[in-house]
Amino acid sequence: MSTLKKRSMGGSETLFIYEHGVCMERLPDSIAVEGMAMFKGMMEFGKYFDLVSFVRDEFSGIFPFRNSGFDECLEKADKAIITAPENDMTLFDLTRKIEKRGVENLGSSSRAIEMTSDKWRLYRKLRNKVNMPETSTTELDGKYVVKPRISCGGEGISVGGEVKEGYIAQEYIDGKNLSVSLFAGADIHVLSVNRQILDNFEYRGAVVPEKAEKETIDEAINAVSAIKGLSGYVGVDMIEADVPYVIEINARLTTPFIAFGFVYGLSYADMYSQISSGKELKVSQKRRVMLLKSSGEGYVSYRGHSIVLKTIGDI
């Protein structure tokens, strides 16, 4: 384990940054590169904190941290921010560890994560509060998709068919796929609206920012407001159709935050610092960026895979 000293600002608080694929679990190279990009984005917090973390051996030449362990880093940390998949309740379990250790969590509570990780529980919580596609644990009339109750990144989704145990059926909505990046605290701040780039339901990238109707943003805010314990960065997946539909809530950092510094001139760490210090968050677009999983050189590259940030035209 090693500590990366902050580059500016006073104080001596230590922040534990954790991204599951970089720090802990060996993932396919095409997925690991996305984790690398997120970990690199999290290192922007080094402007405001001493950073502590650990990385898998294959990343030790890329990031300035040696191999260690989750518990050892928590012992040194005043605060923690983690990114991990909802699969197998990994995000929930790691967040519970932070809470039990008494380290301040810059993300959502384990209780909120438990709710948002399970798409069926989330639907039952929100269906009378916001617009959501009709959802069931059995087959639906009309066109529907079948998806795991607990998953991320669009994994395991198919159109129609049997709804097995651990899966749900959800009404198919044809519309514009968006995500709304919010900061939940005493107030809810809109950080960015992004278009999702999907390939057969699987997440392939984003366009940051994207235009959205006010009703779509309001519905995302309403969804987050309805769940106690959501805090810090929260991503709300939406479909903008005849009305805006809430699809799911990600109680963690989501991939578009990587592009914030390029698009707005403020990284998420900068935004967090402004909000947490009580300053008014002023976000203005400097450019529009397409974030893609690709190959060759990019924002990060790993074993033939890369995350590319490409400046594109106006909205």
Protein backbone atom coordinates (compact mmCIF):
# COMPACT_ATOMS: atom_id res chain seq x y z
CA MET A 1 0.00 0.00 0.00
CA SER A 2 1.19 3.51 -0.70
CA THR A 3 -0.20 6.99 -0.27
CA LEU A 4 -0.27 9.58 -3.04
CA LYS A 5 0.24 13.06 -1.56
CA LYS A 6 -2.18 15.79 -2.58
CA ARG A 7 -0.99 18.33 -5.11
CA SER A 8 -2.78 21.37 -3.68
CA MET A 9 -4.92 22.76 -0.85
CA GLY A 10 -4.26 22.47 2.87
CA GLY A 11 -5.38 19.80 5.26
CA SER A 12 -4.33 16.23 5.78
CA GLU A 13 -7.44 14.11 5.21
CA THR A 14 -6.81 10.79 3.52
CA LEU A 15 -9.19 9.39 0.92
CA PHE A 16 -9.29 5.70 -0.03
CA ILE A 17 -10.15 5.36 -3.72
CA TYR A 18 -11.23 1.92 -4.92
CA GLU A 19 -12.28 0.54 -8.30
CA HIS A 20 -13.08 -3.16 -8.18
CA GLY A 21 -11.46 -4.28 -11.43
CA VAL A 22 -8.23 -2.34 -10.81
CA CYS A 23 -7.90 -3.12 -7.13
CA MET A 24 -9.38 -6.56 -6.63
CA GLU A 25 -11.03 -8.73 -9.27
CA ARG A 26 -9.38 -10.00 -12.45
CA LEU A 27 -11.74 -9.03 -15.27
CA PRO A 28 -11.69 -9.55 -19.05
CA ASP A 29 -9.39 -7.00 -20.67
CA SER A 30 -12.28 -5.30 -22.49
CA ILE A 31 -13.97 -4.61 -19.14
CA ALA A 32 -10.80 -3.95 -17.14
CA VAL A 33 -9.95 -0.97 -19.35
CA GLU A 34 -13.18 0.75 -18.32
CA GLY A 35 -12.23 0.26 -14.68
CA MET A 36 -8.81 1.74 -15.40
CA ALA A 37 -10.45 4.84 -16.86
CA MET A 38 -12.66 5.22 -13.81
CA PHE A 39 -9.73 4.76 -11.42
CA LYS A 40 -7.75 7.37 -13.35
CA GLY A 41 -10.71 9.74 -13.04
CA MET A 42 -10.92 9.07 -9.30
CA MET A 43 -7.27 10.07 -8.92
CA GLU A 44 -8.38 13.67 -9.57
CA PHE A 45 -9.33 13.66 -5.88
CA GLY A 46 -5.58 13.93 -5.26
CA LYS A 47 -6.02 17.70 -5.59
CA TYR A 48 -7.97 17.71 -2.35
CA PHE A 49 -6.87 14.68 -0.33
CA ASP A 50 -3.96 12.41 0.35
CA LEU A 51 -4.89 9.31 -1.63
CA VAL A 52 -4.48 5.75 -0.42
CA SER A 53 -5.24 2.65 -2.46
CA PHE A 54 -3.85 -0.60 -3.80
CA VAL A 55 -3.85 -2.16 -7.27
CA ARG A 56 -3.49 -5.57 -8.82
CA ASP A 57 0.06 -6.46 -9.88
CA GLU A 58 -0.61 -5.88 -13.59
CA PHE A 59 -1.52 -2.24 -12.89
CA SER A 60 1.38 -1.42 -10.57
CA GLY A 61 3.35 0.15 -13.42
CA ILE A 62 0.40 2.35 -14.39
CA PHE A 63 -0.88 3.66 -11.06
CA PRO A 64 1.33 4.79 -8.14
CA PHE A 65 0.02 2.27 -5.61
CA ARG A 66 1.39 -1.09 -4.52
CA ASN A 67 -0.59 -4.22 -3.76
CA SER A 68 -2.11 -4.39 -0.29
CA GLY A 69 -5.70 -4.90 0.81
CA PHE A 70 -9.07 -3.28 1.40
CA ASP A 71 -8.94 -3.43 5.19
CA GLU A 72 -5.40 -2.04 5.36
CA CYS A 73 -6.41 0.97 3.27
CA LEU A 74 -9.46 1.61 5.43
CA GLU A 75 -7.21 1.73 8.49
CA LYS A 76 -5.37 4.71 6.97
CA ALA A 77 -8.41 6.47 5.49
CA ASP A 78 -10.58 9.27 6.82
CA LYS A 79 -12.94 8.93 3.87
CA ALA A 80 -13.57 6.46 1.07
CA ILE A 81 -15.12 6.41 -2.37
CA ILE A 82 -15.60 3.12 -4.15
CA THR A 83 -16.76 1.90 -7.52
CA ALA A 84 -17.79 -1.73 -7.79
CA PRO A 85 -20.42 -3.75 -9.67
CA GLU A 86 -23.81 -4.51 -8.19
CA ASN A 87 -23.40 -8.14 -9.30
CA ASP A 88 -23.30 -10.56 -6.36
CA MET A 89 -24.01 -7.51 -4.15
CA THR A 90 -20.32 -6.58 -4.33
CA LEU A 91 -20.96 -2.83 -4.06
CA PHE A 92 -23.26 -3.42 -1.09
CA ASP A 93 -20.78 -5.68 0.74
CA LEU A 94 -17.83 -3.30 0.32
CA THR A 95 -19.91 -0.33 1.41
CA ARG A 96 -20.95 -2.20 4.54
CA LYS A 97 -17.27 -2.71 5.34
CA ILE A 98 -16.68 1.03 5.12
CA GLU A 99 -19.64 1.77 7.36
CA LYS A 100 -18.65 -0.80 9.98
CA ARG A 101 -15.12 0.64 10.10
CA GLY A 102 -16.53 4.12 10.74
CA VAL A 103 -14.85 5.66 7.69
CA GLU A 104 -16.84 8.46 6.05
CA ASN A 105 -18.34 7.21 2.80
CA LEU A 106 -18.47 9.72 -0.08
CA GLY A 107 -21.07 7.55 -1.78
CA SER A 108 -24.48 6.12 -0.98
CA SER A 109 -25.37 4.08 2.10
CA SER A 110 -25.46 0.30 1.97
CA ARG A 111 -29.20 0.45 2.62
CA ALA A 112 -29.76 2.59 -0.49
CA ILE A 113 -27.42 0.38 -2.53
CA GLU A 114 -29.33 -2.73 -1.45
CA MET A 115 -32.52 -1.14 -2.75
CA THR A 116 -31.18 0.19 -6.05
CA SER A 117 -29.14 -2.92 -6.90
CA ASP A 118 -32.27 -5.07 -7.14
CA LYS A 119 -34.34 -3.92 -10.12
CA TRP A 120 -37.50 -5.59 -8.82
CA ARG A 121 -37.23 -3.97 -5.39
CA LEU A 122 -36.48 -0.64 -7.04
CA TYR A 123 -39.56 -0.92 -9.26
CA ARG A 124 -41.82 -1.65 -6.30
CA LYS A 125 -40.32 1.31 -4.43
CA LEU A 126 -40.68 3.83 -7.25
CA ARG A 127 -43.63 2.70 -9.39
CA ASN A 128 -46.11 5.05 -7.70
CA LYS A 129 -43.64 7.95 -7.52
CA VAL A 130 -42.14 8.20 -11.02
CA ASN A 131 -42.81 6.83 -14.50
CA MET A 132 -41.34 3.33 -14.88
CA PRO A 133 -41.94 0.67 -17.53
CA GLU A 134 -44.38 -2.03 -16.43
CA THR A 135 -42.32 -4.67 -14.67
CA SER A 136 -43.13 -8.19 -13.50
CA THR A 137 -41.56 -11.44 -12.34
CA THR A 138 -43.69 -13.21 -14.98
CA GLU A 139 -44.18 -12.72 -18.70
CA LEU A 140 -45.91 -9.55 -19.90
CA ASP A 141 -48.32 -8.88 -22.73
CA GLY A 142 -46.75 -7.02 -25.64
CA LYS A 143 -43.04 -6.51 -26.25
CA TYR A 144 -40.81 -6.80 -23.20
CA VAL A 145 -37.23 -7.43 -22.21
CA VAL A 146 -35.98 -9.98 -19.70
CA LYS A 147 -33.15 -8.89 -17.42
CA PRO A 148 -31.45 -10.11 -14.24
CA ARG A 149 -32.78 -8.53 -11.05
CA ILE A 150 -29.20 -7.74 -10.06
CA SER A 151 -26.69 -6.84 -12.79
CA CYS A 152 -24.90 -3.90 -14.37
CA GLY A 153 -23.74 -2.69 -17.78
CA GLY A 154 -26.69 -4.22 -19.61
CA GLU A 155 -25.49 -7.77 -19.01
CA GLY A 156 -27.88 -10.66 -19.54
CA ILE A 157 -30.71 -8.71 -21.19
CA SER A 158 -32.78 -10.32 -23.95
CA VAL A 159 -36.02 -9.56 -25.75
CA GLY A 160 -39.00 -11.64 -24.67
CA GLY A 161 -39.01 -15.26 -23.59
CA GLU A 162 -39.15 -17.06 -20.28
CA VAL A 163 -38.70 -15.14 -17.05
CA LYS A 164 -36.53 -17.39 -14.90
CA GLU A 165 -36.01 -17.12 -11.18
CA GLY A 166 -33.80 -14.13 -10.43
CA TYR A 167 -35.01 -12.29 -13.55
CA ILE A 168 -37.73 -9.76 -14.33
CA ALA A 169 -39.74 -8.86 -17.40
CA GLN A 170 -39.88 -5.17 -18.24
CA GLU A 171 -42.00 -3.41 -20.82
CA TYR A 172 -39.94 -2.48 -23.87
CA ILE A 173 -39.80 1.30 -24.31
CA ASP A 174 -38.60 2.73 -27.60
CA GLY A 175 -36.96 6.11 -27.09
CA LYS A 176 -33.79 8.07 -26.39
CA ASN A 177 -31.42 6.33 -23.96
CA LEU A 178 -30.08 8.83 -21.45
CA SER A 179 -28.34 8.92 -18.12
CA VAL A 180 -28.61 11.81 -15.68
CA SER A 181 -25.59 12.34 -13.40
CA LEU A 182 -26.67 13.85 -10.10
CA PHE A 183 -25.06 14.78 -6.81
CA ALA A 184 -27.28 13.91 -3.87
CA GLY A 185 -26.76 15.77 -0.61
CA ALA A 186 -28.72 18.39 1.27
CA ASP A 187 -29.88 19.37 -2.22
CA ILE A 188 -29.73 17.45 -5.47
CA HIS A 189 -27.42 18.98 -8.08
CA VAL A 190 -27.52 18.15 -11.77
CA LEU A 191 -23.97 17.46 -12.93
CA SER A 192 -24.56 16.29 -16.48
CA VAL A 193 -27.06 14.71 -18.87
CA ASN A 194 -25.56 12.07 -21.14
CA ARG A 195 -26.68 9.93 -24.06
CA GLN A 196 -26.01 6.25 -23.65
CA ILE A 197 -24.47 4.32 -26.53
CA LEU A 198 -25.81 0.77 -26.38
CA ASP A 199 -25.17 -2.30 -28.50
CA ASN A 200 -27.79 -5.00 -28.00
CA PHE A 201 -28.51 -3.45 -24.59
CA GLU A 202 -24.85 -3.59 -23.52
CA TYR A 203 -23.17 -0.33 -22.57
CA ARG A 204 -20.57 0.81 -25.12
CA GLY A 205 -20.08 4.46 -24.24
CA ALA A 206 -21.72 7.85 -23.94
CA VAL A 207 -22.08 11.28 -25.44
CA VAL A 208 -21.49 14.02 -22.87
CA PRO A 209 -23.54 16.17 -22.67
CA GLU A 210 -26.89 15.51 -24.35
CA LYS A 211 -30.05 17.56 -24.53
CA ALA A 212 -33.00 16.35 -22.48
CA GLU A 213 -36.46 17.62 -21.67
CA LYS A 214 -36.87 19.33 -18.30
CA GLU A 215 -39.42 16.65 -17.40
CA THR A 216 -36.75 13.97 -17.88
CA ILE A 217 -34.33 15.68 -15.51
CA ASP A 218 -37.11 16.34 -13.00
CA GLU A 219 -38.12 12.68 -13.07
CA ALA A 220 -34.52 11.60 -12.37
CA ILE A 221 -34.40 14.00 -9.41
CA ASN A 222 -37.75 12.70 -8.14
CA ALA A 223 -36.47 9.12 -8.29
CA VAL A 224 -33.34 9.92 -6.29
CA SER A 225 -35.33 11.98 -3.79
CA ALA A 226 -37.58 8.99 -3.11
CA ILE A 227 -34.80 6.72 -1.81
CA LYS A 228 -33.29 7.47 1.56
CA GLY A 229 -29.53 7.15 1.77
CA LEU A 230 -28.58 8.01 -1.80
CA SER A 231 -25.60 10.34 -1.48
CA GLY A 232 -22.78 11.74 -3.57
CA TYR A 233 -22.68 10.77 -7.24
CA VAL A 234 -25.79 8.95 -8.48
CA GLY A 235 -26.50 7.97 -12.08
CA VAL A 236 -30.10 7.55 -13.23
CA ASP A 237 -30.71 5.61 -16.45
CA MET A 238 -33.68 7.04 -18.36
CA ILE A 239 -35.55 6.55 -21.60
CA GLU A 240 -37.08 9.69 -23.06
CA ALA A 241 -40.19 8.68 -25.00
CA ASP A 242 -43.76 10.03 -24.93
CA VAL A 243 -42.98 10.56 -21.25
CA PRO A 244 -39.64 10.09 -19.46
CA TYR A 245 -39.15 6.66 -17.90
CA VAL A 246 -36.79 5.79 -15.06
CA ILE A 247 -35.07 2.49 -15.85
CA GLU A 248 -32.61 2.06 -13.00
CA ILE A 249 -30.48 3.93 -10.48
CA ASN A 250 -26.73 3.44 -10.12
CA ALA A 251 -25.70 4.39 -6.59
CA ARG A 252 -22.04 4.84 -7.56
CA LEU A 253 -19.84 6.59 -10.07
CA THR A 254 -20.81 5.83 -13.66
CA THR A 255 -18.60 5.95 -16.74
CA PRO A 256 -19.60 9.44 -18.06
CA PHE A 257 -17.87 11.13 -15.11
CA ILE A 258 -14.57 10.34 -16.83
CA ALA A 259 -15.35 12.99 -19.44
CA PHE A 260 -16.44 15.78 -17.09
CA GLY A 261 -13.05 17.49 -16.95
CA PHE A 262 -12.84 17.61 -20.75
CA VAL A 263 -16.43 18.74 -21.23
CA TYR A 264 -16.92 21.19 -18.35
CA GLY A 265 -13.39 22.05 -17.27
CA LEU A 266 -14.33 20.57 -13.88
CA SER A 267 -13.68 16.98 -12.89
CA TYR A 268 -16.11 15.23 -10.59
CA ALA A 269 -13.57 15.79 -7.80
CA ASP A 270 -13.73 19.54 -8.52
CA MET A 271 -17.53 19.43 -8.48
CA TYR A 272 -17.53 17.49 -5.22
CA SER A 273 -15.17 20.02 -3.65
CA GLN A 274 -17.33 22.96 -4.67
CA ILE A 275 -20.56 21.40 -3.44
CA SER A 276 -19.15 20.06 -0.16
CA SER A 277 -17.60 23.44 0.67
CA GLY A 278 -20.96 25.16 0.21
CA LYS A 279 -20.04 26.97 -2.98
CA GLU A 280 -22.49 27.32 -5.83
CA LEU A 281 -21.78 24.70 -8.49
CA LYS A 282 -21.31 26.49 -11.79
CA VAL A 283 -21.06 24.12 -14.74
CA SER A 284 -20.63 25.41 -18.28
CA GLN A 285 -20.01 23.33 -21.37
CA LYS A 286 -16.66 23.83 -23.11
CA ARG A 287 -16.98 21.00 -25.61
CA ARG A 288 -18.99 17.87 -26.38
CA VAL A 289 -17.29 14.51 -26.09
CA MET A 290 -18.03 10.99 -27.26
CA LEU A 291 -16.67 8.37 -24.86
CA LEU A 292 -16.24 4.98 -26.50
CA LYS A 293 -14.88 1.54 -25.73
CA SER A 294 -12.49 1.04 -28.63
CA SER A 295 -8.94 -0.02 -29.51
CA GLY A 296 -5.63 1.73 -30.02
CA GLU A 297 -4.50 4.77 -28.06
CA GLY A 298 -6.97 6.59 -25.84
CA TYR A 299 -7.62 8.13 -22.44
CA VAL A 300 -6.44 4.76 -21.12
CA SER A 301 -5.26 1.72 -23.07
CA TYR A 302 -4.73 -1.86 -21.97
CA ARG A 303 -3.85 -4.96 -23.96
CA GLY A 304 -5.40 -3.74 -27.21
CA HIS A 305 -8.43 -2.14 -25.61
CA SER A 306 -8.96 1.53 -24.88
CA ILE A 307 -11.36 4.18 -23.69
CA VAL A 308 -11.37 6.94 -26.29
CA LEU A 309 -12.59 10.50 -25.68
CA LYS A 310 -13.39 12.18 -28.98
CA THR A 311 -14.49 15.81 -29.32
CA ILE A 312 -17.60 16.05 -31.49
CA GLY A 313 -19.92 18.80 -32.70
CA ASP A 314 -22.43 20.86 -30.76
CA ILE A 315 -25.59 19.37 -29.33
